């Protein structure tokens, strides 16, 4: 794995709500991004709802107020097109657009995630049919990251899909890692009593 890829972190996340994090959820995303960039990582993301804005905010705070580095060297944001965008553009889903968009999104996700040697998963929920549901897109991103041999870090304490992925990693830990050196750190990622600052510290111990 190249040095550039090892130092690139993909953040997968979406949050209509922040669960037990409540009002600290936004700060968690912002502070996590800022901490990664402070430690010379590049952050890439698909600008998930409720997460993307705060990734950008954290990156800009570190780059412009502290590090003063080049934005392109430390942040890559790749918003996803939506079906609504396509409809507004006059393209009718009845003509096969749905299958086209699915293919485009899959290739787009792969292009983004393949840049990263580390993948962090936070929250993972969306509003659908007036109910908050797990974000199935995160499951796809997990599998893509795994296929590209990224270091997988689901933050179970943030709940939702990321908690589901964290439980899977803990149960199948030996299938993902050749040593149990950092198993204790991974256990801490799912601690329901862990605050954002502690979780960020644990993440940094895993990636550094």
N, C-alpha and C. Protein backbone atom coordinates (compact mmCIF):
# COMPACT_ATOMS: atom_id res chain seq x y z
N UNK A 1 0.84 -1.20 0.00
CA UNK A 1 0.00 0.00 0.00
C UNK A 1 0.88 1.25 0.00
N UNK A 2 0.57 2.19 -0.88
CA UNK A 2 1.38 3.39 -0.99
C UNK A 2 1.23 4.26 0.26
N UNK A 3 2.25 5.13 0.48
CA UNK A 3 2.20 6.04 1.63
C UNK A 3 0.97 6.94 1.55
N UNK A 4 0.67 7.44 0.35
CA UNK A 4 -0.48 8.33 0.19
C UNK A 4 -1.77 7.64 0.58
N UNK A 5 -1.93 6.40 0.16
CA UNK A 5 -3.16 5.67 0.49
C UNK A 5 -3.23 5.37 1.98
N UNK A 6 -2.11 5.02 2.60
CA UNK A 6 -2.09 4.74 4.04
C UNK A 6 -2.48 5.97 4.84
N UNK A 7 -2.21 7.15 4.31
CA UNK A 7 -2.50 8.39 5.03
C UNK A 7 -3.81 9.04 4.57
N UNK A 8 -4.62 8.29 3.85
CA UNK A 8 -5.92 8.80 3.41
C UNK A 8 -7.02 8.05 4.14
N UNK A 9 -7.95 8.80 4.73
CA UNK A 9 -9.04 8.23 5.52
C UNK A 9 -10.37 8.53 4.84
N UNK A 10 -11.13 7.48 4.59
CA UNK A 10 -12.49 7.64 4.10
C UNK A 10 -13.44 7.64 5.29
N UNK A 11 -14.26 8.68 5.43
CA UNK A 11 -15.27 8.72 6.49
C UNK A 11 -16.62 8.42 5.88
N UNK A 12 -17.20 7.32 6.30
CA UNK A 12 -18.54 6.91 5.86
C UNK A 12 -19.52 7.27 6.97
N UNK A 13 -20.54 8.04 6.63
CA UNK A 13 -21.51 8.38 7.66
C UNK A 13 -22.68 9.18 7.12
N UNK A 14 -23.82 9.01 7.77
CA UNK A 14 -24.99 9.84 7.51
C UNK A 14 -25.78 9.87 8.81
N UNK A 15 -26.44 10.99 9.07
CA UNK A 15 -27.13 11.11 10.34
C UNK A 15 -28.32 12.06 10.23
N UNK A 16 -29.51 11.48 10.17
CA UNK A 16 -30.71 12.30 10.34
C UNK A 16 -30.82 12.68 11.80
N UNK A 17 -30.37 11.76 12.68
CA UNK A 17 -30.31 12.02 14.11
C UNK A 17 -29.01 11.44 14.64
N UNK A 18 -28.62 11.86 15.85
CA UNK A 18 -27.31 11.48 16.39
C UNK A 18 -27.39 10.56 17.61
N UNK A 19 -28.57 10.01 17.86
CA UNK A 19 -28.71 9.04 18.94
C UNK A 19 -28.27 9.58 20.28
N UNK A 20 -27.50 8.77 21.01
CA UNK A 20 -27.07 9.16 22.35
C UNK A 20 -26.11 10.35 22.32
N UNK A 21 -25.51 10.62 21.17
CA UNK A 21 -24.61 11.77 21.06
C UNK A 21 -25.38 13.08 21.12
N UNK A 22 -26.63 13.06 20.68
CA UNK A 22 -27.49 14.23 20.68
C UNK A 22 -26.76 15.45 20.12
N UNK A 23 -26.69 16.52 20.91
CA UNK A 23 -26.13 17.78 20.41
C UNK A 23 -24.61 17.72 20.20
N UNK A 24 -23.96 16.69 20.73
CA UNK A 24 -22.50 16.59 20.55
C UNK A 24 -22.13 15.85 19.26
N UNK A 25 -23.13 15.32 18.54
CA UNK A 25 -22.85 14.54 17.34
C UNK A 25 -22.13 15.34 16.27
N UNK A 26 -22.58 16.57 16.05
CA UNK A 26 -21.95 17.41 15.03
C UNK A 26 -20.51 17.74 15.42
N UNK A 27 -20.30 18.05 16.70
CA UNK A 27 -18.95 18.37 17.17
C UNK A 27 -18.03 17.16 17.06
N UNK A 28 -18.58 15.96 17.28
CA UNK A 28 -17.79 14.75 17.15
C UNK A 28 -17.24 14.60 15.73
N UNK A 29 -18.11 14.81 14.74
CA UNK A 29 -17.68 14.71 13.34
C UNK A 29 -16.62 15.77 13.04
N UNK A 30 -16.90 16.99 13.45
CA UNK A 30 -15.97 18.10 13.20
C UNK A 30 -14.62 17.86 13.87
N UNK A 31 -14.65 17.46 15.15
CA UNK A 31 -13.41 17.29 15.90
C UNK A 31 -12.61 16.08 15.42
N UNK A 32 -13.31 15.02 14.99
CA UNK A 32 -12.63 13.85 14.45
C UNK A 32 -11.87 14.23 13.18
N UNK A 33 -12.53 14.95 12.30
CA UNK A 33 -11.88 15.39 11.06
C UNK A 33 -10.69 16.27 11.36
N UNK A 34 -10.86 17.21 12.26
CA UNK A 34 -9.78 18.13 12.61
C UNK A 34 -8.59 17.36 13.18
N UNK A 35 -8.86 16.36 14.04
CA UNK A 35 -7.78 15.57 14.64
C UNK A 35 -7.03 14.76 13.60
N UNK A 36 -7.75 14.22 12.63
CA UNK A 36 -7.09 13.44 11.58
C UNK A 36 -6.17 14.33 10.74
N UNK A 37 -6.66 15.48 10.37
CA UNK A 37 -5.85 16.39 9.55
C UNK A 37 -4.67 16.94 10.36
N UNK A 38 -4.89 17.16 11.63
CA UNK A 38 -3.79 17.62 12.49
C UNK A 38 -2.65 16.59 12.49
N UNK A 39 -3.02 15.32 12.35
CA UNK A 39 -2.03 14.25 12.33
C UNK A 39 -1.63 13.85 10.91
N UNK A 40 -1.80 14.80 9.97
CA UNK A 40 -1.31 14.66 8.60
C UNK A 40 -2.01 13.61 7.76
N UNK A 41 -3.27 13.34 8.06
CA UNK A 41 -4.07 12.48 7.20
C UNK A 41 -4.87 13.33 6.23
N UNK A 42 -5.18 12.75 5.09
CA UNK A 42 -6.13 13.36 4.17
C UNK A 42 -7.47 12.69 4.39
N UNK A 43 -8.54 13.46 4.40
CA UNK A 43 -9.88 12.94 4.62
C UNK A 43 -10.68 13.02 3.33
N UNK A 44 -11.32 11.91 2.95
CA UNK A 44 -12.22 11.90 1.80
C UNK A 44 -13.57 11.39 2.27
N UNK A 45 -14.63 11.89 1.64
CA UNK A 45 -15.97 11.49 2.05
C UNK A 45 -16.97 11.78 0.95
N UNK A 46 -18.11 11.10 1.03
CA UNK A 46 -19.18 11.31 0.06
C UNK A 46 -20.19 12.34 0.48
N UNK A 47 -19.90 13.12 1.52
CA UNK A 47 -20.76 14.21 1.96
C UNK A 47 -22.14 13.70 2.38
N UNK A 48 -22.14 12.69 3.28
CA UNK A 48 -23.40 12.15 3.78
C UNK A 48 -24.19 13.18 4.56
N UNK A 49 -25.51 13.07 4.50
CA UNK A 49 -26.40 14.00 5.19
C UNK A 49 -26.11 14.01 6.69
N UNK A 50 -26.01 15.20 7.26
CA UNK A 50 -25.77 15.34 8.69
C UNK A 50 -24.35 15.10 9.12
N UNK A 51 -23.48 14.76 8.17
CA UNK A 51 -22.07 14.47 8.46
C UNK A 51 -21.14 15.30 7.59
N UNK A 52 -21.45 15.37 6.30
CA UNK A 52 -20.56 16.04 5.35
C UNK A 52 -20.25 17.48 5.70
N UNK A 53 -21.26 18.25 6.12
CA UNK A 53 -21.04 19.65 6.46
C UNK A 53 -20.00 19.81 7.55
N UNK A 54 -20.04 18.88 8.52
CA UNK A 54 -19.16 19.02 9.68
C UNK A 54 -17.76 18.46 9.40
N UNK A 55 -17.65 17.56 8.44
CA UNK A 55 -16.33 17.15 7.96
C UNK A 55 -15.64 18.36 7.33
N UNK A 56 -16.36 19.07 6.48
CA UNK A 56 -15.79 20.26 5.84
C UNK A 56 -15.43 21.30 6.89
N UNK A 57 -16.32 21.52 7.85
CA UNK A 57 -16.06 22.52 8.89
C UNK A 57 -14.80 22.18 9.69
N UNK A 58 -14.65 20.90 10.06
CA UNK A 58 -13.47 20.49 10.81
C UNK A 58 -12.20 20.64 10.00
N UNK A 59 -12.27 20.29 8.73
CA UNK A 59 -11.10 20.40 7.86
C UNK A 59 -10.67 21.86 7.69
N UNK A 60 -11.64 22.72 7.43
CA UNK A 60 -11.31 24.13 7.22
C UNK A 60 -10.76 24.78 8.49
N UNK A 61 -11.30 24.39 9.62
CA UNK A 61 -10.81 24.94 10.89
C UNK A 61 -9.34 24.61 11.10
N UNK A 62 -8.98 23.36 10.83
CA UNK A 62 -7.59 22.95 11.03
C UNK A 62 -6.68 23.55 9.97
N UNK A 63 -7.12 23.54 8.73
CA UNK A 63 -6.26 24.01 7.65
C UNK A 63 -6.04 25.52 7.68
N UNK A 64 -7.10 26.25 7.90
CA UNK A 64 -7.00 27.71 7.79
C UNK A 64 -6.63 28.39 9.10
N UNK A 65 -7.02 27.80 10.23
CA UNK A 65 -6.72 28.45 11.51
C UNK A 65 -5.46 27.91 12.17
N UNK A 66 -5.09 26.70 11.83
CA UNK A 66 -3.94 26.08 12.49
C UNK A 66 -2.84 25.68 11.52
N UNK A 67 -3.13 24.75 10.66
CA UNK A 67 -2.10 24.16 9.81
C UNK A 67 -1.74 25.03 8.61
N UNK A 68 -2.75 25.71 8.06
CA UNK A 68 -2.57 26.56 6.89
C UNK A 68 -1.98 25.78 5.71
N UNK A 69 -2.42 24.55 5.56
CA UNK A 69 -1.97 23.73 4.44
C UNK A 69 -2.88 23.89 3.24
N UNK A 70 -2.56 23.21 2.17
CA UNK A 70 -3.36 23.28 0.95
C UNK A 70 -4.59 22.39 1.09
N UNK A 71 -5.75 22.94 0.82
CA UNK A 71 -7.01 22.22 0.98
C UNK A 71 -7.02 20.92 0.18
N UNK A 72 -6.56 20.97 -1.05
CA UNK A 72 -6.61 19.79 -1.92
C UNK A 72 -5.75 18.64 -1.41
N UNK A 73 -4.77 18.96 -0.58
CA UNK A 73 -3.89 17.93 -0.05
C UNK A 73 -4.46 17.23 1.17
N UNK A 74 -5.54 17.79 1.74
CA UNK A 74 -6.05 17.25 3.01
C UNK A 74 -7.54 16.95 3.02
N UNK A 75 -8.25 17.33 1.98
CA UNK A 75 -9.70 17.10 1.97
C UNK A 75 -10.19 16.81 0.57
N UNK A 76 -10.99 15.75 0.45
CA UNK A 76 -11.65 15.44 -0.81
C UNK A 76 -13.12 15.12 -0.53
N UNK A 77 -14.02 15.94 -1.04
CA UNK A 77 -15.45 15.76 -0.82
C UNK A 77 -16.11 15.44 -2.15
N UNK A 78 -16.89 14.35 -2.18
CA UNK A 78 -17.49 13.87 -3.42
C UNK A 78 -18.99 13.64 -3.21
N UNK A 79 -19.81 14.70 -3.35
CA UNK A 79 -21.26 14.55 -3.13
C UNK A 79 -21.87 13.57 -4.12
N UNK A 80 -22.86 12.83 -3.65
CA UNK A 80 -23.56 11.89 -4.50
C UNK A 80 -24.73 12.57 -5.19
N UNK A 81 -24.95 12.28 -6.48
CA UNK A 81 -26.16 12.75 -7.15
C UNK A 81 -27.36 12.00 -6.57
N UNK A 82 -28.53 12.58 -6.68
CA UNK A 82 -29.73 11.93 -6.15
C UNK A 82 -30.72 11.65 -7.27
N UNK A 83 -31.65 10.79 -7.00
CA UNK A 83 -32.70 10.51 -7.98
C UNK A 83 -33.53 11.76 -8.24
N UNK A 84 -33.70 12.56 -7.19
CA UNK A 84 -34.46 13.81 -7.36
C UNK A 84 -33.75 14.73 -8.34
N UNK A 85 -32.41 14.79 -8.27
CA UNK A 85 -31.65 15.61 -9.20
C UNK A 85 -31.89 15.16 -10.64
N UNK A 86 -31.91 13.85 -10.83
CA UNK A 86 -32.10 13.32 -12.16
C UNK A 86 -33.50 13.64 -12.69
N UNK A 87 -34.49 13.55 -11.82
CA UNK A 87 -35.86 13.85 -12.23
C UNK A 87 -36.01 15.30 -12.62
N UNK A 88 -35.39 16.19 -11.83
CA UNK A 88 -35.43 17.62 -12.14
C UNK A 88 -34.79 17.88 -13.49
N UNK A 89 -33.76 17.10 -13.82
CA UNK A 89 -33.06 17.27 -15.09
C UNK A 89 -33.87 16.75 -16.27
N UNK A 90 -35.07 16.21 -15.99
CA UNK A 90 -35.94 15.78 -17.06
C UNK A 90 -35.76 14.34 -17.48
N UNK A 91 -35.06 13.54 -16.67
CA UNK A 91 -34.84 12.14 -17.01
C UNK A 91 -35.84 11.29 -16.24
N UNK A 92 -36.59 10.48 -16.95
CA UNK A 92 -37.67 9.69 -16.36
C UNK A 92 -37.14 8.35 -15.86
N UNK A 93 -37.32 8.02 -14.56
CA UNK A 93 -36.86 6.73 -14.04
C UNK A 93 -37.44 5.55 -14.80
N UNK A 94 -38.56 5.74 -15.48
CA UNK A 94 -39.18 4.64 -16.20
C UNK A 94 -38.35 4.19 -17.41
N UNK A 95 -37.41 5.02 -17.86
CA UNK A 95 -36.63 4.65 -19.06
C UNK A 95 -35.34 3.91 -18.72
N UNK A 96 -35.24 3.41 -17.49
CA UNK A 96 -34.05 2.66 -17.10
C UNK A 96 -33.07 3.47 -16.29
N UNK A 97 -33.44 4.68 -15.92
CA UNK A 97 -32.55 5.55 -15.16
C UNK A 97 -32.16 4.94 -13.82
N UNK A 98 -33.11 4.27 -13.17
CA UNK A 98 -32.83 3.70 -11.86
C UNK A 98 -31.63 2.75 -11.92
N UNK A 99 -31.62 1.86 -12.90
CA UNK A 99 -30.49 0.94 -13.05
C UNK A 99 -29.21 1.67 -13.41
N UNK A 100 -29.33 2.70 -14.22
CA UNK A 100 -28.16 3.49 -14.59
C UNK A 100 -27.56 4.17 -13.37
N UNK A 101 -28.42 4.79 -12.57
CA UNK A 101 -27.92 5.48 -11.38
C UNK A 101 -27.30 4.51 -10.39
N UNK A 102 -27.90 3.34 -10.25
CA UNK A 102 -27.33 2.34 -9.34
C UNK A 102 -25.92 1.97 -9.77
N UNK A 103 -25.73 1.76 -11.06
CA UNK A 103 -24.41 1.43 -11.59
C UNK A 103 -23.43 2.58 -11.38
N UNK A 104 -23.90 3.79 -11.65
CA UNK A 104 -23.05 4.97 -11.48
C UNK A 104 -22.63 5.12 -10.02
N UNK A 105 -23.60 4.99 -9.11
CA UNK A 105 -23.28 5.13 -7.69
C UNK A 105 -22.28 4.09 -7.22
N UNK A 106 -22.43 2.84 -7.68
CA UNK A 106 -21.52 1.79 -7.26
C UNK A 106 -20.09 2.08 -7.73
N UNK A 107 -19.95 2.52 -8.98
CA UNK A 107 -18.62 2.82 -9.49
C UNK A 107 -18.04 4.07 -8.82
N UNK A 108 -18.92 5.03 -8.54
CA UNK A 108 -18.50 6.28 -7.87
C UNK A 108 -18.00 5.97 -6.48
N UNK A 109 -18.78 5.17 -5.73
CA UNK A 109 -18.36 4.77 -4.39
C UNK A 109 -17.00 4.09 -4.42
N UNK A 110 -16.83 3.18 -5.36
CA UNK A 110 -15.58 2.44 -5.45
C UNK A 110 -14.41 3.37 -5.75
N UNK A 111 -14.60 4.31 -6.65
CA UNK A 111 -13.53 5.26 -6.99
C UNK A 111 -13.12 6.08 -5.77
N UNK A 112 -14.10 6.51 -4.98
CA UNK A 112 -13.81 7.31 -3.80
C UNK A 112 -13.08 6.48 -2.75
N UNK A 113 -13.67 5.34 -2.41
CA UNK A 113 -13.15 4.53 -1.30
C UNK A 113 -11.80 3.92 -1.62
N UNK A 114 -11.56 3.60 -2.88
CA UNK A 114 -10.29 2.96 -3.26
C UNK A 114 -9.09 3.87 -3.03
N UNK A 115 -9.33 5.16 -2.83
CA UNK A 115 -8.24 6.10 -2.56
C UNK A 115 -7.68 5.92 -1.15
N UNK A 116 -8.49 5.31 -0.26
CA UNK A 116 -8.17 5.34 1.18
C UNK A 116 -7.62 4.02 1.70
N UNK A 117 -6.68 4.13 2.62
CA UNK A 117 -6.16 2.97 3.31
C UNK A 117 -6.83 2.74 4.64
N UNK A 118 -7.68 3.69 5.05
CA UNK A 118 -8.40 3.61 6.31
C UNK A 118 -9.85 4.02 6.05
N UNK A 119 -10.80 3.32 6.65
CA UNK A 119 -12.22 3.67 6.50
C UNK A 119 -12.87 3.71 7.89
N UNK A 120 -13.42 4.86 8.23
CA UNK A 120 -14.09 5.05 9.51
C UNK A 120 -15.60 5.16 9.27
N UNK A 121 -16.37 4.44 10.09
CA UNK A 121 -17.82 4.41 9.92
C UNK A 121 -18.50 5.00 11.16
N UNK A 122 -19.31 6.05 10.95
CA UNK A 122 -19.97 6.72 12.06
C UNK A 122 -21.47 6.89 11.78
N UNK A 123 -22.26 6.72 12.83
CA UNK A 123 -23.72 6.81 12.75
C UNK A 123 -24.24 5.86 11.66
N UNK A 124 -24.88 6.37 10.63
CA UNK A 124 -25.42 5.51 9.59
C UNK A 124 -26.93 5.34 9.72
N UNK A 125 -27.64 6.47 9.62
CA UNK A 125 -29.10 6.40 9.60
C UNK A 125 -29.64 7.45 8.64
N UNK A 126 -30.88 7.26 8.23
CA UNK A 126 -31.51 8.17 7.29
C UNK A 126 -33.01 8.22 7.55
N UNK A 127 -33.66 9.28 7.09
CA UNK A 127 -35.11 9.38 7.18
C UNK A 127 -35.70 8.83 5.89
N UNK A 128 -36.54 7.82 6.04
CA UNK A 128 -37.15 7.20 4.87
C UNK A 128 -38.58 6.80 5.22
N UNK A 129 -39.54 7.26 4.43
CA UNK A 129 -40.96 6.95 4.68
C UNK A 129 -41.35 7.35 6.10
N UNK A 130 -40.98 8.58 6.48
CA UNK A 130 -41.26 9.21 7.78
C UNK A 130 -40.74 8.40 8.98
N UNK A 131 -39.77 7.53 8.74
CA UNK A 131 -39.16 6.76 9.83
C UNK A 131 -37.64 6.81 9.69
N UNK A 132 -36.95 6.78 10.82
CA UNK A 132 -35.49 6.73 10.81
C UNK A 132 -35.06 5.29 10.62
N UNK A 133 -34.28 5.05 9.59
CA UNK A 133 -33.85 3.69 9.27
C UNK A 133 -32.33 3.63 9.14
N UNK A 134 -31.80 2.41 9.22
CA UNK A 134 -30.37 2.22 9.02
C UNK A 134 -29.99 2.57 7.58
N UNK A 135 -28.80 3.12 7.40
CA UNK A 135 -28.32 3.51 6.07
C UNK A 135 -27.68 2.31 5.40
N UNK A 136 -28.38 1.73 4.42
CA UNK A 136 -27.84 0.55 3.76
C UNK A 136 -26.62 0.86 2.91
N UNK A 137 -26.48 2.13 2.48
CA UNK A 137 -25.31 2.51 1.71
C UNK A 137 -24.02 2.31 2.47
N UNK A 138 -24.08 2.44 3.80
CA UNK A 138 -22.88 2.24 4.62
C UNK A 138 -22.41 0.79 4.54
N UNK A 139 -23.35 -0.14 4.48
CA UNK A 139 -22.98 -1.55 4.37
C UNK A 139 -22.22 -1.80 3.07
N UNK A 140 -22.66 -1.15 2.00
CA UNK A 140 -21.98 -1.29 0.72
C UNK A 140 -20.57 -0.69 0.79
N UNK A 141 -20.47 0.46 1.46
CA UNK A 141 -19.16 1.11 1.58
C UNK A 141 -18.20 0.28 2.42
N UNK A 142 -18.73 -0.39 3.43
CA UNK A 142 -17.91 -1.27 4.25
C UNK A 142 -17.31 -2.39 3.39
N UNK A 143 -18.15 -3.01 2.57
CA UNK A 143 -17.68 -4.11 1.73
C UNK A 143 -16.67 -3.64 0.68
N UNK A 144 -16.90 -2.46 0.13
CA UNK A 144 -15.94 -1.93 -0.85
C UNK A 144 -14.60 -1.65 -0.17
N UNK A 145 -14.65 -1.03 1.00
CA UNK A 145 -13.42 -0.73 1.74
C UNK A 145 -12.68 -2.01 2.09
N UNK A 146 -13.43 -3.01 2.50
CA UNK A 146 -12.81 -4.30 2.83
C UNK A 146 -12.14 -4.91 1.60
N UNK A 147 -12.81 -4.84 0.44
CA UNK A 147 -12.26 -5.43 -0.78
C UNK A 147 -10.98 -4.73 -1.21
N UNK A 148 -10.81 -3.48 -0.78
CA UNK A 148 -9.60 -2.72 -1.12
C UNK A 148 -8.60 -2.72 0.03
N UNK A 149 -8.82 -3.62 0.98
CA UNK A 149 -7.89 -3.87 2.09
C UNK A 149 -7.65 -2.64 2.96
N UNK A 150 -8.68 -1.83 3.13
CA UNK A 150 -8.58 -0.69 4.03
C UNK A 150 -8.68 -1.15 5.48
N UNK A 151 -8.09 -0.40 6.38
CA UNK A 151 -8.24 -0.64 7.81
C UNK A 151 -9.64 -0.18 8.20
N UNK A 152 -10.48 -1.09 8.68
CA UNK A 152 -11.89 -0.81 8.93
C UNK A 152 -12.10 -0.42 10.39
N UNK A 153 -12.73 0.74 10.61
CA UNK A 153 -12.92 1.25 11.97
C UNK A 153 -14.37 1.71 12.15
N UNK A 154 -15.28 0.80 12.50
CA UNK A 154 -16.65 1.21 12.79
C UNK A 154 -16.77 1.69 14.24
N UNK A 155 -17.32 2.88 14.41
CA UNK A 155 -17.45 3.47 15.75
C UNK A 155 -18.81 3.05 16.30
N UNK A 156 -18.83 1.90 16.95
CA UNK A 156 -20.08 1.33 17.43
C UNK A 156 -20.85 2.21 18.38
N UNK A 157 -20.13 2.99 19.17
CA UNK A 157 -20.78 3.86 20.16
C UNK A 157 -21.64 4.94 19.52
N UNK A 158 -21.45 5.21 18.24
CA UNK A 158 -22.27 6.22 17.57
C UNK A 158 -23.61 5.65 17.11
N UNK A 159 -23.78 4.33 17.23
CA UNK A 159 -25.08 3.71 16.98
C UNK A 159 -25.38 3.42 15.52
N UNK A 160 -26.61 2.91 15.32
CA UNK A 160 -27.16 2.66 13.98
C UNK A 160 -26.32 1.65 13.19
N UNK A 161 -26.11 1.92 11.91
CA UNK A 161 -25.40 0.95 11.07
C UNK A 161 -23.96 0.76 11.53
N UNK A 162 -23.33 1.81 12.02
CA UNK A 162 -21.94 1.68 12.48
C UNK A 162 -21.85 0.74 13.68
N UNK A 163 -22.87 0.73 14.53
CA UNK A 163 -22.89 -0.21 15.66
C UNK A 163 -23.02 -1.65 15.16
N UNK A 164 -23.85 -1.84 14.17
CA UNK A 164 -24.02 -3.16 13.57
C UNK A 164 -22.69 -3.66 13.00
N UNK A 165 -21.97 -2.78 12.31
CA UNK A 165 -20.68 -3.15 11.74
C UNK A 165 -19.65 -3.41 12.83
N UNK A 166 -19.69 -2.62 13.90
CA UNK A 166 -18.76 -2.81 15.01
C UNK A 166 -18.96 -4.19 15.65
N UNK A 167 -20.20 -4.58 15.87
CA UNK A 167 -20.48 -5.89 16.45
C UNK A 167 -19.96 -7.00 15.54
N UNK A 168 -20.12 -6.82 14.25
CA UNK A 168 -19.61 -7.81 13.29
C UNK A 168 -18.09 -7.92 13.38
N UNK A 169 -17.40 -6.77 13.46
CA UNK A 169 -15.93 -6.78 13.55
C UNK A 169 -15.48 -7.47 14.83
N UNK A 170 -16.12 -7.17 15.94
CA UNK A 170 -15.74 -7.77 17.22
C UNK A 170 -15.94 -9.29 17.17
N UNK A 171 -17.06 -9.73 16.61
CA UNK A 171 -17.36 -11.17 16.55
C UNK A 171 -16.41 -11.90 15.60
N UNK A 172 -16.00 -11.24 14.52
CA UNK A 172 -15.17 -11.88 13.50
C UNK A 172 -13.77 -11.27 13.45
N UNK A 173 -13.30 -10.77 14.58
CA UNK A 173 -12.06 -9.99 14.62
C UNK A 173 -10.89 -10.72 13.95
N UNK A 174 -10.74 -11.99 14.24
CA UNK A 174 -9.60 -12.74 13.71
C UNK A 174 -9.67 -12.92 12.19
N UNK A 175 -10.86 -12.75 11.63
CA UNK A 175 -10.99 -12.83 10.17
C UNK A 175 -10.50 -11.55 9.49
N UNK A 176 -10.43 -10.48 10.26
CA UNK A 176 -10.05 -9.17 9.71
C UNK A 176 -8.62 -8.77 10.04
N UNK A 177 -8.08 -9.30 11.14
CA UNK A 177 -6.77 -8.86 11.60
C UNK A 177 -5.87 -10.05 11.91
N UNK A 178 -4.59 -9.88 11.63
CA UNK A 178 -3.64 -10.96 11.86
C UNK A 178 -3.14 -11.02 13.29
N UNK A 179 -3.43 -10.00 14.08
CA UNK A 179 -3.00 -9.95 15.47
C UNK A 179 -4.07 -9.31 16.33
N UNK A 180 -4.09 -9.63 17.61
CA UNK A 180 -5.07 -9.06 18.53
C UNK A 180 -4.50 -7.86 19.29
N UNK A 181 -3.44 -7.31 18.77
CA UNK A 181 -2.75 -6.20 19.44
C UNK A 181 -3.70 -5.05 19.75
N UNK A 182 -4.64 -4.76 18.85
CA UNK A 182 -5.52 -3.60 19.05
C UNK A 182 -6.96 -3.99 19.34
N UNK A 183 -7.16 -5.24 19.74
CA UNK A 183 -8.52 -5.70 20.01
C UNK A 183 -9.17 -4.87 21.12
N UNK A 184 -8.40 -4.56 22.16
CA UNK A 184 -8.93 -3.77 23.26
C UNK A 184 -9.39 -2.39 22.81
N UNK A 185 -8.67 -1.80 21.88
CA UNK A 185 -9.07 -0.50 21.35
C UNK A 185 -10.39 -0.61 20.58
N UNK A 186 -10.51 -1.69 19.80
CA UNK A 186 -11.75 -1.90 19.05
C UNK A 186 -12.93 -2.11 20.01
N UNK A 187 -12.69 -2.80 21.10
CA UNK A 187 -13.76 -2.97 22.09
C UNK A 187 -14.23 -1.61 22.62
N UNK A 188 -13.29 -0.71 22.85
CA UNK A 188 -13.64 0.61 23.37
C UNK A 188 -14.49 1.41 22.39
N UNK A 189 -14.37 1.14 21.09
CA UNK A 189 -15.15 1.87 20.09
C UNK A 189 -16.65 1.63 20.24
N UNK A 190 -17.02 0.56 20.94
CA UNK A 190 -18.44 0.27 21.13
C UNK A 190 -18.94 0.56 22.52
N UNK A 191 -18.10 1.15 23.34
CA UNK A 191 -18.49 1.46 24.72
C UNK A 191 -19.59 2.52 24.73
N UNK A 192 -20.79 2.19 25.18
CA UNK A 192 -21.90 3.16 25.15
C UNK A 192 -21.69 4.35 26.07
N UNK A 193 -20.76 4.22 26.99
CA UNK A 193 -20.48 5.32 27.92
C UNK A 193 -19.34 6.21 27.44
N UNK A 194 -18.69 5.85 26.35
CA UNK A 194 -17.54 6.61 25.85
C UNK A 194 -18.02 7.91 25.21
N UNK A 195 -17.35 9.00 25.58
CA UNK A 195 -17.67 10.29 25.00
C UNK A 195 -16.91 10.52 23.71
N UNK A 196 -17.30 11.54 22.94
CA UNK A 196 -16.64 11.83 21.67
C UNK A 196 -15.12 12.00 21.78
N UNK A 197 -14.66 12.70 22.79
CA UNK A 197 -13.21 12.94 22.92
C UNK A 197 -12.45 11.63 23.10
N UNK A 198 -13.00 10.75 23.93
CA UNK A 198 -12.34 9.46 24.16
C UNK A 198 -12.33 8.63 22.89
N UNK A 199 -13.44 8.62 22.16
CA UNK A 199 -13.52 7.84 20.93
C UNK A 199 -12.53 8.34 19.89
N UNK A 200 -12.38 9.65 19.79
CA UNK A 200 -11.40 10.21 18.85
C UNK A 200 -10.00 9.78 19.24
N UNK A 201 -9.70 9.79 20.54
CA UNK A 201 -8.39 9.34 21.02
C UNK A 201 -8.15 7.88 20.67
N UNK A 202 -9.16 7.05 20.83
CA UNK A 202 -9.04 5.63 20.50
C UNK A 202 -8.79 5.44 19.00
N UNK A 203 -9.53 6.17 18.19
CA UNK A 203 -9.35 6.09 16.73
C UNK A 203 -7.91 6.46 16.36
N UNK A 204 -7.40 7.52 16.95
CA UNK A 204 -6.04 7.94 16.64
C UNK A 204 -5.02 6.89 17.06
N UNK A 205 -5.27 6.21 18.20
CA UNK A 205 -4.36 5.14 18.63
C UNK A 205 -4.38 3.99 17.63
N UNK A 206 -5.52 3.75 17.00
CA UNK A 206 -5.61 2.67 16.04
C UNK A 206 -4.88 3.02 14.74
N UNK A 207 -5.02 4.26 14.29
CA UNK A 207 -4.49 4.61 12.96
C UNK A 207 -3.03 5.06 12.99
N UNK A 208 -2.54 5.49 14.15
CA UNK A 208 -1.17 6.02 14.18
C UNK A 208 -0.15 4.92 14.47
